Amino acid sequence: GVTFQVYRPAGRPRYATEVPDRPSCPRLPHRVRTASCRAR
């Protein structure tokens, strides 16, 4: 279970600069969504 990892340095990391939009409501019947969400 010993892992040998060989790396080459590659400068600075790249970081995410944009925050993705939050997903909209799933396309389910409202009564199904409501029942599911009440349970949660």
PDB file of all heavy atoms in Angstrom:
ATOM      1  N   GLY A   1       0.777  -1.236   0.000  1.00  0.00           N
ATOM      2  CA  GLY A   1       0.000   0.000   0.000  1.00  0.00           C
ATOM      3  C   GLY A   1       0.804   1.279   0.000  1.00  0.00           C
ATOM      4  O   GLY A   1       0.249   2.369   0.116  1.00  0.00           O
ATOM      5  N   VAL A   2       2.140   1.186  -0.152  1.00  0.00           N
ATOM      6  CA  VAL A   2       2.961   2.385  -0.250  1.00  0.00           C
ATOM      7  C   VAL A   2       2.872   2.918  -1.682  1.00  0.00           C
ATOM      8  O   VAL A   2       3.104   2.179  -2.634  1.00  0.00           O
ATOM      9  CB  VAL A   2       4.427   2.093   0.117  1.00  0.00           C
ATOM     10  CG1 VAL A   2       5.281   3.355  -0.015  1.00  0.00           C
ATOM     11  CG2 VAL A   2       4.515   1.548   1.543  1.00  0.00           C
ATOM     12  N   THR A   3       2.533   4.187  -1.816  1.00  0.00           N
ATOM     13  CA  THR A   3       2.389   4.799  -3.141  1.00  0.00           C
ATOM     14  C   THR A   3       3.621   5.626  -3.482  1.00  0.00           C
ATOM     15  O   THR A   3       4.008   6.509  -2.724  1.00  0.00           O
ATOM     16  CB  THR A   3       1.155   5.705  -3.181  1.00  0.00           C
ATOM     17  OG1 THR A   3      -0.008   4.951  -2.815  1.00  0.00           O
ATOM     18  CG2 THR A   3       0.941   6.264  -4.574  1.00  0.00           C
ATOM     19  N   PHE A   4       4.234   5.318  -4.626  1.00  0.00           N
ATOM     20  CA  PHE A   4       5.332   6.120  -5.160  1.00  0.00           C
ATOM     21  C   PHE A   4       4.750   7.131  -6.136  1.00  0.00           C
ATOM     22  O   PHE A   4       4.186   6.752  -7.167  1.00  0.00           O
ATOM     23  CB  PHE A   4       6.349   5.231  -5.886  1.00  0.00           C
ATOM     24  CG  PHE A   4       7.296   4.506  -4.984  1.00  0.00           C
ATOM     25  CD1 PHE A   4       6.890   3.383  -4.297  1.00  0.00           C
ATOM     26  CD2 PHE A   4       8.605   4.952  -4.824  1.00  0.00           C
ATOM     27  CE1 PHE A   4       7.759   2.698  -3.469  1.00  0.00           C
ATOM     28  CE2 PHE A   4       9.483   4.275  -3.997  1.00  0.00           C
ATOM     29  CZ  PHE A   4       9.068   3.146  -3.316  1.00  0.00           C
ATOM     30  N   GLN A   5       4.892   8.404  -5.824  1.00  0.00           N
ATOM     31  CA  GLN A   5       4.410   9.466  -6.698  1.00  0.00           C
ATOM     32  C   GLN A   5       5.604  10.298  -7.154  1.00  0.00           C
ATOM     33  O   GLN A   5       6.351  10.821  -6.320  1.00  0.00           O
ATOM     34  CB  GLN A   5       3.421  10.376  -5.963  1.00  0.00           C
ATOM     35  CG  GLN A   5       2.209   9.645  -5.365  1.00  0.00           C
ATOM     36  CD  GLN A   5       1.167   9.327  -6.398  1.00  0.00           C
ATOM     37  OE1 GLN A   5       1.298   8.362  -7.123  1.00  0.00           O
ATOM     38  NE2 GLN A   5       0.138  10.143  -6.474  1.00  0.00           N
ATOM     39  N   VAL A   6       5.781  10.425  -8.457  1.00  0.00           N
ATOM     40  CA  VAL A   6       6.878  11.219  -9.009  1.00  0.00           C
ATOM     41  C   VAL A   6       6.292  12.462  -9.666  1.00  0.00           C
ATOM     42  O   VAL A   6       5.459  12.353 -10.572  1.00  0.00           O
ATOM     43  CB  VAL A   6       7.704  10.405 -10.030  1.00  0.00           C
ATOM     44  CG1 VAL A   6       8.879  11.234 -10.523  1.00  0.00           C
ATOM     45  CG2 VAL A   6       8.191   9.106  -9.412  1.00  0.00           C
ATOM     46  N   TYR A   7       6.733  13.634  -9.201  1.00  0.00           N
ATOM     47  CA  TYR A   7       6.192  14.889  -9.694  1.00  0.00           C
ATOM     48  C   TYR A   7       7.295  15.786 -10.267  1.00  0.00           C
ATOM     49  O   TYR A   7       8.459  15.681  -9.884  1.00  0.00           O
ATOM     50  CB  TYR A   7       5.515  15.672  -8.557  1.00  0.00           C
ATOM     51  CG  TYR A   7       4.290  15.021  -7.963  1.00  0.00           C
ATOM     52  CD1 TYR A   7       4.371  14.315  -6.755  1.00  0.00           C
ATOM     53  CD2 TYR A   7       3.054  15.125  -8.588  1.00  0.00           C
ATOM     54  CE1 TYR A   7       3.243  13.729  -6.204  1.00  0.00           C
ATOM     55  CE2 TYR A   7       1.924  14.552  -8.031  1.00  0.00           C
ATOM     56  CZ  TYR A   7       2.024  13.850  -6.832  1.00  0.00           C
ATOM     57  OH  TYR A   7       0.914  13.275  -6.296  1.00  0.00           O
ATOM     58  N   ARG A   8       6.879  16.685 -11.147  1.00  0.00           N
ATOM     59  CA  ARG A   8       7.743  17.747 -11.630  1.00  0.00           C
ATOM     60  C   ARG A   8       7.091  19.074 -11.257  1.00  0.00           C
ATOM     61  O   ARG A   8       5.913  19.301 -11.582  1.00  0.00           O
ATOM     62  CB  ARG A   8       7.919  17.665 -13.149  1.00  0.00           C
ATOM     63  CG  ARG A   8       8.792  18.793 -13.714  1.00  0.00           C
ATOM     64  CD  ARG A   8       9.044  18.588 -15.206  1.00  0.00           C
ATOM     65  NE  ARG A   8       7.779  18.421 -15.919  1.00  0.00           N
ATOM     66  CZ  ARG A   8       7.552  17.508 -16.859  1.00  0.00           C
ATOM     67  NH1 ARG A   8       8.494  16.660 -17.194  1.00  0.00           N
ATOM     68  NH2 ARG A   8       6.382  17.445 -17.471  1.00  0.00           N
ATOM     69  N   PRO A   9       7.777  19.974 -10.556  1.00  0.00           N
ATOM     70  CA  PRO A   9       7.199  21.281 -10.235  1.00  0.00           C
ATOM     71  C   PRO A   9       6.756  22.004 -11.499  1.00  0.00           C
ATOM     72  O   PRO A   9       7.440  21.970 -12.527  1.00  0.00           O
ATOM     73  CB  PRO A   9       8.352  22.014  -9.537  1.00  0.00           C
ATOM     74  CG  PRO A   9       9.179  20.914  -8.941  1.00  0.00           C
ATOM     75  CD  PRO A   9       9.107  19.790  -9.939  1.00  0.00           C
ATOM     76  N   ALA A  10       5.591  22.649 -11.427  1.00  0.00           N
ATOM     77  CA  ALA A  10       5.001  23.269 -12.617  1.00  0.00           C
ATOM     78  C   ALA A  10       4.533  24.696 -12.342  1.00  0.00           C
ATOM     79  O   ALA A  10       3.471  25.123 -12.806  1.00  0.00           O
ATOM     80  CB  ALA A  10       3.837  22.425 -13.121  1.00  0.00           C
ATOM     81  N   GLY A  11       5.304  25.434 -11.550  1.00  0.00           N
ATOM     82  CA  GLY A  11       4.977  26.834 -11.320  1.00  0.00           C
ATOM     83  C   GLY A  11       3.856  27.019 -10.305  1.00  0.00           C
ATOM     84  O   GLY A  11       3.649  26.203  -9.416  1.00  0.00           O
ATOM     85  N   ARG A  12       3.094  28.083 -10.476  1.00  0.00           N
ATOM     86  CA  ARG A  12       1.997  28.411  -9.575  1.00  0.00           C
ATOM     87  C   ARG A  12       0.743  27.633  -9.958  1.00  0.00           C
ATOM     88  O   ARG A  12       0.485  27.395 -11.144  1.00  0.00           O
ATOM     89  CB  ARG A  12       1.683  29.906  -9.634  1.00  0.00           C
ATOM     90  CG  ARG A  12       2.727  30.810  -9.025  1.00  0.00           C
ATOM     91  CD  ARG A  12       2.722  30.732  -7.512  1.00  0.00           C
ATOM     92  NE  ARG A  12       1.394  30.890  -6.943  1.00  0.00           N
ATOM     93  CZ  ARG A  12       0.773  32.069  -6.752  1.00  0.00           C
ATOM     94  NH1 ARG A  12       1.369  33.192  -7.138  1.00  0.00           N
ATOM     95  NH2 ARG A  12      -0.422  32.124  -6.202  1.00  0.00           N
ATOM     96  N   PRO A  13      -0.070  27.261  -8.988  1.00  0.00           N
ATOM     97  CA  PRO A  13      -1.346  26.603  -9.304  1.00  0.00           C
ATOM     98  C   PRO A  13      -2.313  27.584  -9.952  1.00  0.00           C
ATOM     99  O   PRO A  13      -2.173  28.794  -9.830  1.00  0.00           O
ATOM    100  CB  PRO A  13      -1.873  26.163  -7.929  1.00  0.00           C
ATOM    101  CG  PRO A  13      -0.737  26.310  -6.984  1.00  0.00           C
ATOM    102  CD  PRO A  13       0.141  27.369  -7.531  1.00  0.00           C
ATOM    103  N   ARG A  14      -3.296  27.044 -10.648  1.00  0.00           N
ATOM    104  CA  ARG A  14      -4.393  27.849 -11.181  1.00  0.00           C
ATOM    105  C   ARG A  14      -5.589  27.698 -10.253  1.00  0.00           C
ATOM    106  O   ARG A  14      -5.948  26.596  -9.861  1.00  0.00           O
ATOM    107  CB  ARG A  14      -4.746  27.404 -12.588  1.00  0.00           C
ATOM    108  CG  ARG A  14      -3.668  27.710 -13.616  1.00  0.00           C
ATOM    109  CD  ARG A  14      -4.100  27.311 -15.012  1.00  0.00           C
ATOM    110  NE  ARG A  14      -4.331  25.867 -15.116  1.00  0.00           N
ATOM    111  CZ  ARG A  14      -4.839  25.262 -16.174  1.00  0.00           C
ATOM    112  NH1 ARG A  14      -5.210  25.976 -17.223  1.00  0.00           N
ATOM    113  NH2 ARG A  14      -4.988  23.955 -16.195  1.00  0.00           N
ATOM    114  N   TYR A  15      -6.201  28.797  -9.924  1.00  0.00           N
ATOM    115  CA  TYR A  15      -7.357  28.780  -9.034  1.00  0.00           C
ATOM    116  C   TYR A  15      -8.602  29.243  -9.799  1.00  0.00           C
ATOM    117  O   TYR A  15      -8.513  30.059 -10.718  1.00  0.00           O
ATOM    118  CB  TYR A  15      -7.126  29.696  -7.830  1.00  0.00           C
ATOM    119  CG  TYR A  15      -5.980  29.260  -6.948  1.00  0.00           C
ATOM    120  CD1 TYR A  15      -4.734  29.872  -7.047  1.00  0.00           C
ATOM    121  CD2 TYR A  15      -6.142  28.231  -6.035  1.00  0.00           C
ATOM    122  CE1 TYR A  15      -3.680  29.472  -6.252  1.00  0.00           C
ATOM    123  CE2 TYR A  15      -5.103  27.825  -5.236  1.00  0.00           C
ATOM    124  CZ  TYR A  15      -3.871  28.445  -5.336  1.00  0.00           C
ATOM    125  OH  TYR A  15      -2.822  28.041  -4.544  1.00  0.00           O
ATOM    126  N   ALA A  16      -9.740  28.728  -9.395  1.00  0.00           N
ATOM    127  CA  ALA A  16     -11.000  29.167 -10.000  1.00  0.00           C
ATOM    128  C   ALA A  16     -11.237  30.632  -9.666  1.00  0.00           C
ATOM    129  O   ALA A  16     -11.048  31.057  -8.527  1.00  0.00           O
ATOM    130  CB  ALA A  16     -12.154  28.304  -9.493  1.00  0.00           C
ATOM    131  N   THR A  17     -11.649  31.412 -10.657  1.00  0.00           N
ATOM    132  CA  THR A  17     -11.886  32.845 -10.440  1.00  0.00           C
ATOM    133  C   THR A  17     -13.343  33.233 -10.552  1.00  0.00           C
ATOM    134  O   THR A  17     -13.706  34.363 -10.257  1.00  0.00           O
ATOM    135  CB  THR A  17     -11.081  33.671 -11.465  1.00  0.00           C
ATOM    136  OG1 THR A  17     -11.465  33.274 -12.790  1.00  0.00           O
ATOM    137  CG2 THR A  17      -9.586  33.457 -11.278  1.00  0.00           C
ATOM    138  N   GLU A  18     -14.174  32.304 -10.993  1.00  0.00           N
ATOM    139  CA  GLU A  18     -15.597  32.603 -11.139  1.00  0.00           C
ATOM    140  C   GLU A  18     -16.409  31.641 -10.287  1.00  0.00           C
ATOM    141  O   GLU A  18     -16.071  30.460 -10.165  1.00  0.00           O
ATOM    142  CB  GLU A  18     -16.032  32.481 -12.598  1.00  0.00           C
ATOM    143  CG  GLU A  18     -15.348  33.470 -13.532  1.00  0.00           C
ATOM    144  CD  GLU A  18     -15.828  33.299 -14.960  1.00  0.00           C
ATOM    145  OE1 GLU A  18     -16.673  32.408 -15.186  1.00  0.00           O
ATOM    146  OE2 GLU A  18     -15.376  34.057 -15.818  1.00  0.00           O
ATOM    147  N   VAL A  19     -17.482  32.148  -9.719  1.00  0.00           N
ATOM    148  CA  VAL A  19     -18.393  31.324  -8.929  1.00  0.00           C
ATOM    149  C   VAL A  19     -19.577  30.959  -9.812  1.00  0.00           C
ATOM    150  O   VAL A  19     -20.274  31.842 -10.318  1.00  0.00           O
ATOM    151  CB  VAL A  19     -18.888  32.069  -7.679  1.00  0.00           C
ATOM    152  CG1 VAL A  19     -19.870  31.193  -6.894  1.00  0.00           C
ATOM    153  CG2 VAL A  19     -17.705  32.475  -6.813  1.00  0.00           C
ATOM    154  N   PRO A  20     -19.807  29.698 -10.073  1.00  0.00           N
ATOM    155  CA  PRO A  20     -20.915  29.314 -10.953  1.00  0.00           C
ATOM    156  C   PRO A  20     -22.267  29.671 -10.346  1.00  0.00           C
ATOM    157  O   PRO A  20     -22.413  29.750  -9.123  1.00  0.00           O
ATOM    158  CB  PRO A  20     -20.757  27.798 -11.080  1.00  0.00           C
ATOM    159  CG  PRO A  20     -20.006  27.387  -9.851  1.00  0.00           C
ATOM    160  CD  PRO A  20     -19.082  28.534  -9.538  1.00  0.00           C
ATOM    161  N   ASP A  21     -23.234  29.937 -11.217  1.00  0.00           N
ATOM    162  CA  ASP A  21     -24.586  30.211 -10.745  1.00  0.00           C
ATOM    163  C   ASP A  21     -25.132  29.011  -9.999  1.00  0.00           C
ATOM    164  O   ASP A  21     -24.849  27.856 -10.328  1.00  0.00           O
ATOM    165  CB  ASP A  21     -25.514  30.531 -11.924  1.00  0.00           C
ATOM    166  CG  ASP A  21     -25.133  31.844 -12.579  1.00  0.00           C
ATOM    167  OD1 ASP A  21     -24.533  32.696 -11.890  1.00  0.00           O
ATOM    168  OD2 ASP A  21     -25.439  32.003 -13.770  1.00  0.00           O
ATOM    169  N   ARG A  22     -25.955  29.302  -8.997  1.00  0.00           N
ATOM    170  CA  ARG A  22     -26.607  28.217  -8.274  1.00  0.00           C
ATOM    171  C   ARG A  22     -27.633  27.560  -9.189  1.00  0.00           C
ATOM    172  O   ARG A  22     -28.295  28.242  -9.977  1.00  0.00           O
ATOM    173  CB  ARG A  22     -27.283  28.769  -7.019  1.00  0.00           C
ATOM    174  CG  ARG A  22     -26.290  29.378  -6.040  1.00  0.00           C
ATOM    175  CD  ARG A  22     -27.009  30.126  -4.946  1.00  0.00           C
ATOM    176  NE  ARG A  22     -27.752  29.234  -4.088  1.00  0.00           N
ATOM    177  CZ  ARG A  22     -28.580  29.656  -3.141  1.00  0.00           C
ATOM    178  NH1 ARG A  22     -28.795  30.949  -2.973  1.00  0.00           N
ATOM    179  NH2 ARG A  22     -29.210  28.790  -2.384  1.00  0.00           N
ATOM    180  N   PRO A  23     -27.764  26.274  -9.102  1.00  0.00           N
ATOM    181  CA  PRO A  23     -28.710  25.592  -9.997  1.00  0.00           C
ATOM    182  C   PRO A  23     -30.148  26.018  -9.727  1.00  0.00           C
ATOM    183  O   PRO A  23     -30.528  26.296  -8.601  1.00  0.00           O
ATOM    184  CB  PRO A  23     -28.497  24.113  -9.668  1.00  0.00           C
ATOM    185  CG  PRO A  23     -27.929  24.103  -8.285  1.00  0.00           C
ATOM    186  CD  PRO A  23     -27.095  25.348  -8.180  1.00  0.00           C
ATOM    187  N   SER A  24     -30.916  26.085 -10.774  1.00  0.00           N
ATOM    188  CA  SER A  24     -32.333  26.414 -10.624  1.00  0.00           C
ATOM    189  C   SER A  24     -33.091  25.183 -10.150  1.00  0.00           C
ATOM    190  O   SER A  24     -32.552  24.084 -10.090  1.00  0.00           O
ATOM    191  CB  SER A  24     -32.905  26.892 -11.958  1.00  0.00           C
ATOM    192  OG  SER A  24     -32.731  25.884 -12.939  1.00  0.00           O
ATOM    193  N   CYS A  25     -34.364  25.367  -9.844  1.00  0.00           N
ATOM    194  CA  CYS A  25     -35.166  24.263  -9.321  1.00  0.00           C
ATOM    195  C   CYS A  25     -35.314  23.143 -10.358  1.00  0.00           C
ATOM    196  O   CYS A  25     -35.525  23.432 -11.535  1.00  0.00           O
ATOM    197  CB  CYS A  25     -36.565  24.757  -8.933  1.00  0.00           C
ATOM    198  SG  CYS A  25     -36.521  25.988  -7.616  1.00  0.00           S
ATOM    199  N   PRO A  26     -35.201  21.917  -9.951  1.00  0.00           N
ATOM    200  CA  PRO A  26     -35.401  20.804 -10.895  1.00  0.00           C
ATOM    201  C   PRO A  26     -36.794  20.847 -11.503  1.00  0.00           C
ATOM    202  O   PRO A  26     -37.745  21.328 -10.901  1.00  0.00           O
ATOM    203  CB  PRO A  26     -35.219  19.569 -10.012  1.00  0.00           C
ATOM    204  CG  PRO A  26     -34.424  20.034  -8.839  1.00  0.00           C
ATOM    205  CD  PRO A  26     -34.851  21.455  -8.605  1.00  0.00           C
ATOM    206  N   ARG A  27     -36.889  20.348 -12.710  1.00  0.00           N
ATOM    207  CA  ARG A  27     -38.168  20.358 -13.422  1.00  0.00           C
ATOM    208  C   ARG A  27     -39.022  19.177 -12.980  1.00  0.00           C
ATOM    209  O   ARG A  27     -39.271  18.241 -13.708  1.00  0.00           O
ATOM    210  CB  ARG A  27     -37.903  20.284 -14.921  1.00  0.00           C
ATOM    211  CG  ARG A  27     -37.123  21.466 -15.465  1.00  0.00           C
ATOM    212  CD  ARG A  27     -37.927  22.748 -15.370  1.00  0.00           C
ATOM    213  NE  ARG A  27     -37.219  23.873 -15.970  1.00  0.00           N
ATOM    214  CZ  ARG A  27     -37.688  25.091 -16.020  1.00  0.00           C
ATOM    215  NH1 ARG A  27     -38.881  25.347 -15.525  1.00  0.00           N
ATOM    216  NH2 ARG A  27     -36.983  26.058 -16.559  1.00  0.00           N
ATOM    217  N   LEU A  28     -39.466  19.232 -11.752  1.00  0.00           N
ATOM    218  CA  LEU A  28     -40.364  18.222 -11.211  1.00  0.00           C
ATOM    219  C   LEU A  28     -41.689  18.882 -10.851  1.00  0.00           C
ATOM    220  O   LEU A  28     -41.733  20.092 -10.599  1.00  0.00           O
ATOM    221  CB  LEU A  28     -39.774  17.584  -9.951  1.00  0.00           C
ATOM    222  CG  LEU A  28     -38.468  16.787 -10.118  1.00  0.00           C
ATOM    223  CD1 LEU A  28     -37.985  16.318  -8.759  1.00  0.00           C
ATOM    224  CD2 LEU A  28     -38.689  15.595 -11.035  1.00  0.00           C
ATOM    225  N   PRO A  29     -42.764  18.104 -10.849  1.00  0.00           N
ATOM    226  CA  PRO A  29     -44.040  18.680 -10.416  1.00  0.00           C
ATOM    227  C   PRO A  29     -43.893  19.316  -9.039  1.00  0.00           C
ATOM    228  O   PRO A  29     -43.226  18.754  -8.163  1.00  0.00           O
ATOM    229  CB  PRO A  29     -44.985  17.472 -10.392  1.00  0.00           C
ATOM    230  CG  PRO A  29     -44.363  16.500 -11.339  1.00  0.00           C
ATOM    231  CD  PRO A  29     -42.888  16.695 -11.213  1.00  0.00           C
ATOM    232  N   HIS A  30     -44.512  20.465  -8.855  1.00  0.00           N
ATOM    233  CA  HIS A  30     -44.334  21.196  -7.615  1.00  0.00           C
ATOM    234  C   HIS A  30     -44.756  20.376  -6.405  1.00  0.00           C
ATOM    235  O   HIS A  30     -44.125  20.434  -5.349  1.00  0.00           O
ATOM    236  CB  HIS A  30     -45.115  22.512  -7.654  1.00  0.00           C
ATOM    237  CG  HIS A  30     -44.911  23.337  -6.419  1.00  0.00           C
ATOM    238  ND1 HIS A  30     -45.895  23.584  -5.514  1.00  0.00           N
ATOM    239  CD2 HIS A  30     -43.795  23.946  -5.947  1.00  0.00           C
ATOM    240  CE1 HIS A  30     -45.431  24.313  -4.527  1.00  0.00           C
ATOM    241  NE2 HIS A  30     -44.154  24.552  -4.770  1.00  0.00           N
ATOM    242  N   ARG A  31     -45.793  19.582  -6.530  1.00  0.00           N
ATOM    243  CA  ARG A  31     -46.244  18.812  -5.365  1.00  0.00           C
ATOM    244  C   ARG A  31     -45.200  17.766  -4.972  1.00  0.00           C
ATOM    245  O   ARG A  31     -45.041  17.440  -3.795  1.00  0.00           O
ATOM    246  CB  ARG A  31     -47.592  18.150  -5.662  1.00  0.00           C
ATOM    247  CG  ARG A  31     -47.560  17.124  -6.783  1.00  0.00           C
ATOM    248  CD  ARG A  31     -48.946  16.516  -6.983  1.00  0.00           C
ATOM    249  NE  ARG A  31     -48.945  15.511  -8.031  1.00  0.00           N
ATOM    250  CZ  ARG A  31     -49.037  15.756  -9.322  1.00  0.00           C
ATOM    251  NH1 ARG A  31     -49.146  17.035  -9.724  1.00  0.00           N
ATOM    252  NH2 ARG A  31     -49.033  14.792 -10.213  1.00  0.00           N
ATOM    253  N   VAL A  32     -44.464  17.252  -5.970  1.00  0.00           N
ATOM    254  CA  VAL A  32     -43.416  16.282  -5.656  1.00  0.00           C
ATOM    255  C   VAL A  32     -42.255  16.971  -4.960  1.00  0.00           C
ATOM    256  O   VAL A  32     -41.729  16.490  -3.969  1.00  0.00           O
ATOM    257  CB  VAL A  32     -42.923  15.586  -6.943  1.00  0.00           C
ATOM    258  CG1 VAL A  32     -41.746  14.668  -6.635  1.00  0.00           C
ATOM    259  CG2 VAL A  32     -44.067  14.820  -7.595  1.00  0.00           C
ATOM    260  N   ARG A  33     -41.881  18.149  -5.489  1.00  0.00           N
ATOM    261  CA  ARG A  33     -40.788  18.880  -4.874  1.00  0.00           C
ATOM    262  C   ARG A  33     -41.155  19.284  -3.459  1.00  0.00           C
ATOM    263  O   ARG A  33     -40.348  19.179  -2.536  1.00  0.00           O
ATOM    264  CB  ARG A  33     -40.465  20.133  -5.706  1.00  0.00           C
ATOM    265  CG  ARG A  33     -39.945  19.825  -7.106  1.00  0.00           C
ATOM    266  CD  ARG A  33     -39.230  21.037  -7.666  1.00  0.00           C
ATOM    267  NE  ARG A  33     -40.102  22.218  -7.759  1.00  0.00           N
ATOM    268  CZ  ARG A  33     -40.779  22.549  -8.851  1.00  0.00           C
ATOM    269  NH1 ARG A  33     -40.715  21.783  -9.924  1.00  0.00           N
ATOM    270  NH2 ARG A  33     -41.507  23.641  -8.864  1.00  0.00           N
ATOM    271  N   THR A  34     -42.363  19.761  -3.275  1.00  0.00           N
ATOM    272  CA  THR A  34     -42.790  20.228  -1.964  1.00  0.00           C
ATOM    273  C   THR A  34     -42.792  19.093  -0.957  1.00  0.00           C
ATOM    274  O   THR A  34     -42.307  19.230   0.161  1.00  0.00           O
ATOM    275  CB  THR A  34     -44.190  20.854  -2.046  1.00  0.00           C
ATOM    276  OG1 THR A  34     -44.166  21.915  -2.993  1.00  0.00           O
ATOM    277  CG2 THR A  34     -44.633  21.371  -0.690  1.00  0.00           C
ATOM    278  N   ALA A  35     -43.324  17.937  -1.337  1.00  0.00           N
ATOM    279  CA  ALA A  35     -43.369  16.800  -0.425  1.00  0.00           C
ATOM    280  C   ALA A  35     -41.962  16.343  -0.055  1.00  0.00           C
ATOM    281  O   ALA A  35     -41.671  16.039   1.106  1.00  0.00           O
ATOM    282  CB  ALA A  35     -44.146  15.640  -1.063  1.00  0.00           C
ATOM    283  N   SER A  36     -41.084  16.323  -1.043  1.00  0.00           N
ATOM    284  CA  SER A  36     -39.715  15.891  -0.783  1.00  0.00           C
ATOM    285  C   SER A  36     -39.011  16.859   0.140  1.00  0.00           C
ATOM    286  O   SER A  36     -38.293  16.468   1.054  1.00  0.00           O
ATOM    287  CB  SER A  36     -38.953  15.761  -2.106  1.00  0.00           C
ATOM    288  OG  SER A  36     -37.603  15.485  -1.880  1.00  0.00           O
ATOM    289  N   CYS A  37     -39.193  18.139  -0.075  1.00  0.00           N
ATOM    290  CA  CYS A  37     -38.505  19.134   0.725  1.00  0.00           C
ATOM    291  C   CYS A  37     -39.032  19.201   2.145  1.00  0.00           C
ATOM    292  O   CYS A  37     -38.287  19.476   3.063  1.00  0.00           O
ATOM    293  CB  CYS A  37     -38.616  20.503   0.066  1.00  0.00           C
ATOM    294  SG  CYS A  37     -37.670  20.565  -1.470  1.00  0.00           S
ATOM    295  N   ARG A  38     -40.340  18.969   2.324  1.00  0.00           N
ATOM    296  CA  ARG A  38     -40.870  18.953   3.690  1.00  0.00           C
ATOM    297  C   ARG A  38     -40.193  17.842   4.482  1.00  0.00           C
ATOM    298  O   ARG A  38     -39.867  17.998   5.655  1.00  0.00           O
ATOM    299  CB  ARG A  38     -42.388  18.716   3.659  1.00  0.00           C
ATOM    300  CG  ARG A  38     -43.200  19.941   3.263  1.00  0.00           C
ATOM    301  CD  ARG A  38     -44.634  19.761   3.695  1.00  0.00           C
ATOM    302  NE  ARG A  38     -45.474  20.823   3.145  1.00  0.00           N
ATOM    303  CZ  ARG A  38     -46.375  20.653   2.198  1.00  0.00           C
ATOM    304  NH1 ARG A  38     -46.577  19.456   1.666  1.00  0.00           N
ATOM    305  NH2 ARG A  38     -47.103  21.662   1.768  1.00  0.00           N
ATOM    306  N   ALA A  39     -39.992  16.702   3.817  1.00  0.00           N
ATOM    307  CA  ALA A  39     -39.363  15.579   4.498  1.00  0.00           C
ATOM    308  C   ALA A  39     -37.922  15.890   4.867  1.00  0.00           C
ATOM    309  O   ALA A  39     -37.381  15.344   5.829  1.00  0.00           O
ATOM    310  CB  ALA A  39     -39.414  14.327   3.621  1.00  0.00           C
ATOM    311  N   ARG A  40     -37.275  16.809   4.111  1.00  0.00           N
ATOM    312  CA  ARG A  40     -35.870  17.121   4.354  1.00  0.00           C
ATOM    313  C   ARG A  40     -35.684  18.433   5.096  1.00  0.00           C
ATOM    314  O   ARG A  40     -34.556  18.888   5.280  1.00  0.00           O
ATOM    315  CB  ARG A  40     -35.119  17.212   3.012  1.00  0.00           C
ATOM    316  CG  ARG A  40     -35.189  15.921   2.204  1.00  0.00           C
ATOM    317  CD  ARG A  40     -34.371  16.024   0.956  1.00  0.00           C
ATOM    318  NE  ARG A  40     -34.569  14.852   0.109  1.00  0.00           N
ATOM    319  CZ  ARG A  40     -33.786  14.538  -0.902  1.00  0.00           C
ATOM    320  NH1 ARG A  40     -32.759  15.300  -1.192  1.00  0.00           N
ATOM    321  NH2 ARG A  40     -34.023  13.469  -1.632  1.00  0.00           N
TER     322      ARG A  40
END
